[in-house]
Amino acid sequence: MKDAKKPIVAVLALVAAAALTACGSGDDSTTAADGGESATVTGQFAPVSDEAKYSKVSGEAKLERSSGGTTVSIVVSGLEPKTAYIGHLHVSSCGQSDPGGPHFQFEPGGSDEPPNEMHLQFTSDAAGDGEATTSSKREVPPGEAGSVVIHVDDHHEMTGAEAGESESLFVHEGVDHSKEGGHGEDRSGHQGGSQHSSGKVACAELEGALAEEGDSTAGGDVPTIVVRNGEPVGGVQNVEFRAGEEVRFRVSSDEAEEIHVHGYDLAKNVPAGGMIEFAFPADLEGIYEVELEGQAVQILELQINP
């Protein structure tokens, strides 16, 4: 009986060895250095400014989720030399009329500074190149890292060292930007709900392209409202259509809820962690609220123009 078992043991050993070899030859980008799971999303920067001087901006943004935390890094070229810039993680697509939409916030409606937001502050070098990285001990929920948008940092005053050497600045969780680099207390340009679109230079798409090719409205990509903890991320959105057009928008939520379009009296249930889409003709002119019916919380203002 012992001899009969030897071939079986040998076969099992070969199978185990083959399995180990297969694992070792695959892409290990989903395994963190500490053994935890990780996932990386990358996107390429493209200009979003009308200014000719930014027409050749390019580079890459990378977001990595690992062991419950998040790291965002950017490498970019084609900027103005020796100029202060700041990048933010946004919740929406680059293709929207306001590229990127509102800033991503771990606690929607909270502070517009790290650690509640993810900022990447840097100064371009003499060649117009720059890079930065920022990390958080919290994980950005999957699907909510819409894009990274680079702005001209009008609130930053360059120091002598920066003007002379243009070293890249690295931003880390916990840094109070309101106290460094000439930032005053007025940070209205970086508020989660108030985006200074005119200062946007480039955008890199991460998870914001939720609409398939050809899936668009007159305003660009299908608007997507992200609901977290019973509140719309970035505040109540305003979406406009003309009478006769097709109204289309999506709602994703971390909790199960009924989404109700008042006036049109349409309702759909979104599952926890899921997404639903509304599509209907704009045959009633006026302004209508879209709510989380169970919590009576408005998430969208729908305006139908003549």
Protein backbone atom coordinates (compact mmCIF):
# COMPACT_ATOMS: atom_id res chain seq x y z
CA MET A 1 0.00 0.00 0.00
CA LYS A 2 2.87 2.37 0.75
CA ASP A 3 4.31 1.91 -2.74
CA ALA A 4 0.89 2.56 -4.30
CA LYS A 5 0.72 5.97 -2.60
CA LYS A 6 4.08 7.19 -3.95
CA PRO A 7 2.83 8.04 -7.47
CA ILE A 8 -0.10 9.96 -5.98
CA VAL A 9 2.22 11.96 -3.70
CA ALA A 10 4.52 12.69 -6.62
CA VAL A 11 1.64 13.91 -8.77
CA LEU A 12 0.37 16.16 -5.98
CA ALA A 13 3.86 17.61 -5.54
CA LEU A 14 4.09 18.37 -9.27
CA VAL A 15 0.67 20.05 -9.23
CA ALA A 16 1.64 22.19 -6.25
CA ALA A 17 4.92 23.18 -7.91
CA ALA A 18 3.11 24.10 -11.11
CA ALA A 19 0.63 26.24 -9.17
CA LEU A 20 3.43 28.11 -7.44
CA THR A 21 5.18 28.71 -10.74
CA ALA A 22 1.98 30.04 -12.30
CA CYS A 23 1.42 32.45 -9.41
CA GLY A 24 4.98 33.70 -9.59
CA SER A 25 4.81 34.40 -13.31
CA GLY A 26 1.62 36.48 -13.17
CA ASP A 27 1.11 40.19 -12.58
CA ASP A 28 1.73 40.81 -8.87
CA SER A 29 0.52 44.40 -8.98
CA THR A 30 -2.49 43.39 -6.86
CA THR A 31 -0.32 42.27 -3.95
CA ALA A 32 1.05 44.88 -1.59
CA ALA A 33 4.53 44.74 -0.10
CA ASP A 34 3.07 43.87 3.30
CA GLY A 35 1.03 41.02 1.86
CA GLY A 36 -2.25 42.95 1.71
CA GLU A 37 -4.36 43.45 -1.36
CA SER A 38 -3.76 46.50 -3.54
CA ALA A 39 -5.27 47.93 -6.69
CA THR A 40 -3.82 50.56 -8.99
CA VAL A 41 -5.65 52.88 -11.38
CA THR A 42 -3.79 55.12 -13.83
CA GLY A 43 -4.79 57.89 -16.22
CA GLN A 44 -3.10 60.17 -18.73
CA PHE A 45 -3.20 63.95 -18.42
CA ALA A 46 -4.74 65.99 -21.23
CA PRO A 47 -5.10 69.79 -21.41
CA VAL A 48 -8.41 71.32 -20.32
CA SER A 49 -7.30 74.96 -20.52
CA ASP A 50 -8.02 77.22 -23.47
CA GLU A 51 -4.64 78.89 -23.05
CA ALA A 52 -2.18 77.97 -25.80
CA LYS A 53 0.70 77.76 -23.32
CA TYR A 54 -0.90 74.64 -21.79
CA SER A 55 -1.74 72.89 -25.06
CA LYS A 56 1.12 70.39 -24.69
CA VAL A 57 0.56 69.33 -21.08
CA SER A 58 0.92 65.57 -20.65
CA GLY A 59 1.83 63.02 -17.99
CA GLU A 60 0.32 60.37 -15.77
CA ALA A 61 -1.72 60.18 -12.59
CA LYS A 62 -1.72 57.02 -10.50
CA LEU A 63 -3.96 56.02 -7.60
CA GLU A 64 -3.16 52.97 -5.50
CA ARG A 65 -5.37 51.44 -2.85
CA SER A 66 -3.42 49.25 -0.46
CA SER A 67 -4.11 47.85 3.01
CA GLY A 68 -6.99 50.24 3.56
CA GLY A 69 -5.04 53.34 2.51
CA THR A 70 -4.71 55.39 -0.67
CA THR A 71 -1.74 56.94 -2.45
CA VAL A 72 -2.03 59.35 -5.38
CA SER A 73 0.97 60.41 -7.44
CA ILE A 74 1.42 62.51 -10.55
CA VAL A 75 4.20 63.12 -13.07
CA VAL A 76 3.50 65.91 -15.55
CA SER A 77 5.29 67.95 -18.24
CA GLY A 78 4.44 70.83 -20.56
CA LEU A 79 3.66 73.28 -17.75
CA GLU A 80 4.91 76.83 -17.37
CA PRO A 81 8.42 76.81 -15.84
CA LYS A 82 8.95 77.63 -12.17
CA THR A 83 5.24 77.97 -11.48
CA ALA A 84 3.24 76.78 -8.46
CA TYR A 85 0.49 74.24 -9.17
CA ILE A 86 -1.84 72.13 -7.10
CA GLY A 87 -3.59 68.90 -8.05
CA HIS A 88 -6.75 67.55 -6.46
CA LEU A 89 -8.53 64.24 -6.57
CA HIS A 90 -11.99 64.86 -8.07
CA VAL A 91 -15.12 62.70 -8.12
CA SER A 92 -16.20 63.04 -11.75
CA SER A 93 -15.07 62.63 -15.34
CA CYS A 94 -12.70 64.89 -17.26
CA GLY A 95 -15.31 65.07 -20.02
CA GLN A 96 -17.84 67.10 -18.04
CA SER A 97 -18.35 70.80 -18.73
CA ASP A 98 -16.56 71.44 -15.43
CA PRO A 99 -13.71 68.90 -15.77
CA GLY A 100 -13.55 66.61 -12.76
CA GLY A 101 -16.56 68.12 -11.00
CA PRO A 102 -16.17 68.66 -7.23
CA HIS A 103 -13.20 67.59 -5.13
CA PHE A 104 -13.30 64.15 -3.56
CA GLN A 105 -13.84 64.37 0.19
CA PHE A 106 -13.69 61.52 2.69
CA GLU A 107 -16.36 63.34 4.71
CA PRO A 108 -18.61 65.15 2.18
CA GLY A 109 -19.24 68.74 3.18
CA GLY A 110 -16.33 68.72 5.62
CA SER A 111 -12.98 70.48 5.51
CA ASP A 112 -11.54 71.35 2.10
CA GLU A 113 -8.03 70.58 3.34
CA PRO A 114 -6.12 67.33 3.92
CA PRO A 115 -6.69 64.87 5.44
CA ASN A 116 -10.32 65.24 4.28
CA GLU A 117 -9.18 65.91 0.70
CA MET A 118 -6.22 64.67 -1.32
CA HIS A 119 -4.04 67.53 -2.58
CA LEU A 120 -0.82 67.41 -4.60
CA GLN A 121 1.11 70.66 -4.38
CA PHE A 122 4.27 71.19 -6.42
CA THR A 123 6.35 73.75 -8.31
CA SER A 124 7.41 73.04 -11.88
CA ASP A 125 11.11 73.09 -12.72
CA ALA A 126 12.84 75.20 -15.38
CA ALA A 127 11.69 72.76 -18.08
CA GLY A 128 8.03 72.87 -17.01
CA ASP A 129 8.09 69.41 -15.44
CA GLY A 130 6.71 68.51 -12.04
CA GLU A 131 5.71 65.64 -9.79
CA ALA A 132 4.04 65.11 -6.44
CA THR A 133 2.55 62.42 -4.26
CA THR A 134 0.12 62.30 -1.36
CA SER A 135 -1.09 59.49 0.88
CA SER A 136 -4.01 58.87 3.19
CA LYS A 137 -4.53 56.16 5.77
CA ARG A 138 -8.11 55.93 4.50
CA GLU A 139 -9.23 54.20 1.33
CA VAL A 140 -10.99 56.14 -1.39
CA PRO A 141 -14.10 54.01 -2.11
CA PRO A 142 -13.92 52.19 -5.46
CA GLY A 143 -15.55 54.18 -8.24
CA GLU A 144 -15.20 57.55 -6.48
CA ALA A 145 -11.69 58.46 -7.72
CA GLY A 146 -13.06 60.15 -10.81
CA SER A 147 -10.00 62.08 -11.94
CA VAL A 148 -7.02 64.20 -10.94
CA VAL A 149 -7.16 67.85 -11.99
CA ILE A 150 -4.19 70.23 -11.96
CA HIS A 151 -4.81 73.90 -11.25
CA VAL A 152 -2.60 76.95 -11.18
CA ASP A 153 -2.03 77.51 -7.47
CA ASP A 154 -2.85 81.21 -7.13
CA HIS A 155 -2.79 80.94 -3.33
CA HIS A 156 0.83 79.82 -3.21
CA GLU A 157 3.69 82.29 -2.95
CA MET A 158 6.99 80.83 -4.10
CA THR A 159 9.87 80.99 -1.66
CA GLY A 160 13.35 81.98 -2.74
CA ALA A 161 14.46 78.35 -2.75
CA GLU A 162 11.56 77.34 -4.96
CA ALA A 163 12.12 80.16 -7.41
CA GLY A 164 15.80 79.28 -7.68
CA GLU A 165 15.64 75.50 -7.73
CA SER A 166 11.96 74.71 -8.46
CA GLU A 167 12.05 71.56 -6.38
CA SER A 168 8.92 69.41 -6.43
CA LEU A 169 6.91 69.58 -3.23
CA PHE A 170 5.42 66.44 -1.79
CA VAL A 171 2.16 66.65 0.11
CA HIS A 172 1.34 64.17 2.86
CA GLU A 173 -1.70 63.55 4.98
CA GLY A 174 -1.96 65.85 7.95
CA VAL A 175 -0.16 68.86 6.43
CA ASP A 176 -2.06 72.08 7.09
CA HIS A 177 -1.72 73.94 3.78
CA SER A 178 -3.44 76.99 5.18
CA LYS A 179 -0.26 77.74 7.14
CA GLU A 180 2.41 77.17 4.53
CA GLY A 181 3.60 78.63 1.27
CA GLY A 182 1.68 81.89 1.69
CA HIS A 183 -1.78 80.28 1.89
CA GLY A 184 -4.15 82.53 3.72
CA GLU A 185 -7.35 81.51 5.39
CA ASP A 186 -9.35 82.27 2.24
CA ARG A 187 -9.33 78.91 0.46
CA SER A 188 -12.56 79.42 -1.44
CA GLY A 189 -10.85 78.47 -4.68
CA HIS A 190 -10.33 74.94 -3.38
CA GLN A 191 -13.68 74.33 -1.75
CA GLY A 192 -15.24 70.96 -2.49
CA GLY A 193 -18.35 72.63 -3.86
CA SER A 194 -16.72 75.67 -5.48
CA GLN A 195 -14.29 74.85 -8.25
CA HIS A 196 -12.28 77.61 -9.94
CA SER A 197 -12.68 76.20 -13.46
CA SER A 198 -10.68 79.00 -15.07
CA GLY A 199 -7.55 77.82 -13.23
CA LYS A 200 -7.80 74.22 -14.40
CA VAL A 201 -4.86 73.24 -16.59
CA ALA A 202 -5.05 69.47 -17.15
CA CYS A 203 -7.14 66.46 -16.18
CA ALA A 204 -6.32 62.76 -15.95
CA GLU A 205 -9.23 60.33 -16.11
CA LEU A 206 -9.21 57.62 -13.40
CA GLU A 207 -12.65 56.16 -12.62
CA GLY A 208 -14.84 58.95 -13.96
CA ALA A 209 -15.59 57.54 -17.41
CA LEU A 210 -18.72 55.65 -16.37
CA ALA A 211 -20.54 56.22 -19.65
CA GLU A 212 -19.81 53.92 -22.57
CA GLU A 213 -18.80 55.32 -25.94
CA GLY A 214 -21.68 57.28 -27.45
CA ASP A 215 -23.45 57.37 -24.06
CA SER A 216 -23.73 61.12 -23.69
CA THR A 217 -26.02 64.10 -23.35
CA ALA A 218 -25.69 67.61 -24.73
CA GLY A 219 -23.62 68.50 -21.65
CA GLY A 220 -21.02 65.76 -22.13
CA ASP A 221 -20.83 62.50 -20.15
CA VAL A 222 -23.92 61.20 -18.41
CA PRO A 223 -24.01 63.09 -15.06
CA THR A 224 -23.39 60.80 -12.09
CA ILE A 225 -24.40 61.67 -8.54
CA VAL A 226 -22.42 59.81 -5.90
CA VAL A 227 -24.26 59.38 -2.60
CA ARG A 228 -22.33 58.52 0.53
CA ASN A 229 -23.63 58.43 4.11
CA GLY A 230 -26.96 59.76 2.91
CA GLU A 231 -25.52 62.88 1.26
CA PRO A 232 -24.52 63.75 -2.34
CA VAL A 233 -20.74 63.97 -2.64
CA GLY A 234 -19.85 67.56 -3.55
CA GLY A 235 -23.33 68.85 -2.72
CA VAL A 236 -26.53 69.09 -4.74
CA GLN A 237 -25.77 69.06 -8.46
CA ASN A 238 -27.63 71.15 -11.01
CA VAL A 239 -28.29 69.51 -14.39
CA GLU A 240 -30.00 71.28 -17.28
CA PHE A 241 -31.72 69.94 -20.40
CA ARG A 242 -33.86 71.48 -23.10
CA ALA A 243 -37.46 70.47 -23.67
CA GLY A 244 -37.59 67.58 -26.09
CA GLU A 245 -34.18 66.21 -25.18
CA GLU A 246 -33.64 62.97 -23.28
CA VAL A 247 -32.92 63.41 -19.59
CA ARG A 248 -30.20 61.03 -18.45
CA PHE A 249 -28.35 60.78 -15.17
CA ARG A 250 -27.00 58.11 -12.85
CA VAL A 251 -26.99 57.68 -9.09
CA SER A 252 -24.57 55.48 -7.16
CA SER A 253 -25.00 54.95 -3.44
CA ASP A 254 -23.27 53.16 -0.58
CA GLU A 255 -26.71 52.50 0.96
CA ALA A 256 -29.93 51.07 -0.47
CA GLU A 257 -32.40 53.87 -1.21
CA GLU A 258 -35.32 54.93 -3.38
CA ILE A 259 -34.47 57.73 -5.80
CA HIS A 260 -37.49 59.88 -6.63
CA VAL A 261 -37.73 62.42 -9.48
CA HIS A 262 -40.40 64.88 -8.38
CA GLY A 263 -42.66 66.44 -11.00
CA TYR A 264 -42.14 63.50 -13.32
CA ASP A 265 -43.05 61.17 -10.44
CA LEU A 266 -40.44 58.58 -11.39
CA ALA A 267 -38.76 56.35 -8.83
CA LYS A 268 -36.10 53.65 -8.83
CA ASN A 269 -34.41 51.66 -6.08
CA VAL A 270 -30.61 51.76 -5.95
CA PRO A 271 -29.00 48.83 -4.08
CA ALA A 272 -26.24 49.34 -1.53
CA GLY A 273 -22.99 49.78 -3.41
CA GLY A 274 -24.84 49.85 -6.72
CA MET A 275 -25.80 52.29 -9.45
CA ILE A 276 -28.99 53.05 -11.36
CA GLU A 277 -29.70 55.19 -14.42
CA PHE A 278 -32.67 57.36 -15.31
CA ALA A 279 -33.53 58.05 -18.96
CA PHE A 280 -36.77 59.78 -19.92
CA PRO A 281 -38.01 62.52 -22.29
CA ALA A 282 -37.82 66.11 -21.07
CA ASP A 283 -41.47 66.91 -21.71
CA LEU A 284 -42.17 68.99 -18.58
CA GLU A 285 -40.49 72.40 -18.36
CA GLY A 286 -39.47 73.72 -14.97
CA ILE A 287 -37.19 72.93 -12.03
CA TYR A 288 -37.60 69.63 -10.22
CA GLU A 289 -35.95 68.01 -7.22
CA VAL A 290 -34.44 64.54 -7.23
CA GLU A 291 -34.37 63.10 -3.72
CA LEU A 292 -33.38 60.19 -1.56
CA GLU A 293 -37.02 59.43 -0.83
CA GLY A 294 -36.50 57.57 2.42
CA GLN A 295 -34.36 60.31 3.96
CA ALA A 296 -35.97 63.29 2.18
CA VAL A 297 -32.52 64.50 1.08
CA GLN A 298 -32.17 66.36 -2.22
CA ILE A 299 -29.30 65.14 -4.40
CA LEU A 300 -30.03 66.81 -7.75
CA GLU A 301 -31.79 69.84 -9.16
CA LEU A 302 -33.18 69.05 -12.59
CA GLN A 303 -33.87 72.08 -14.79
CA ILE A 304 -35.78 71.68 -18.06
CA ASN A 305 -35.50 74.79 -20.23
CA PRO A 306 -37.75 75.77 -23.20
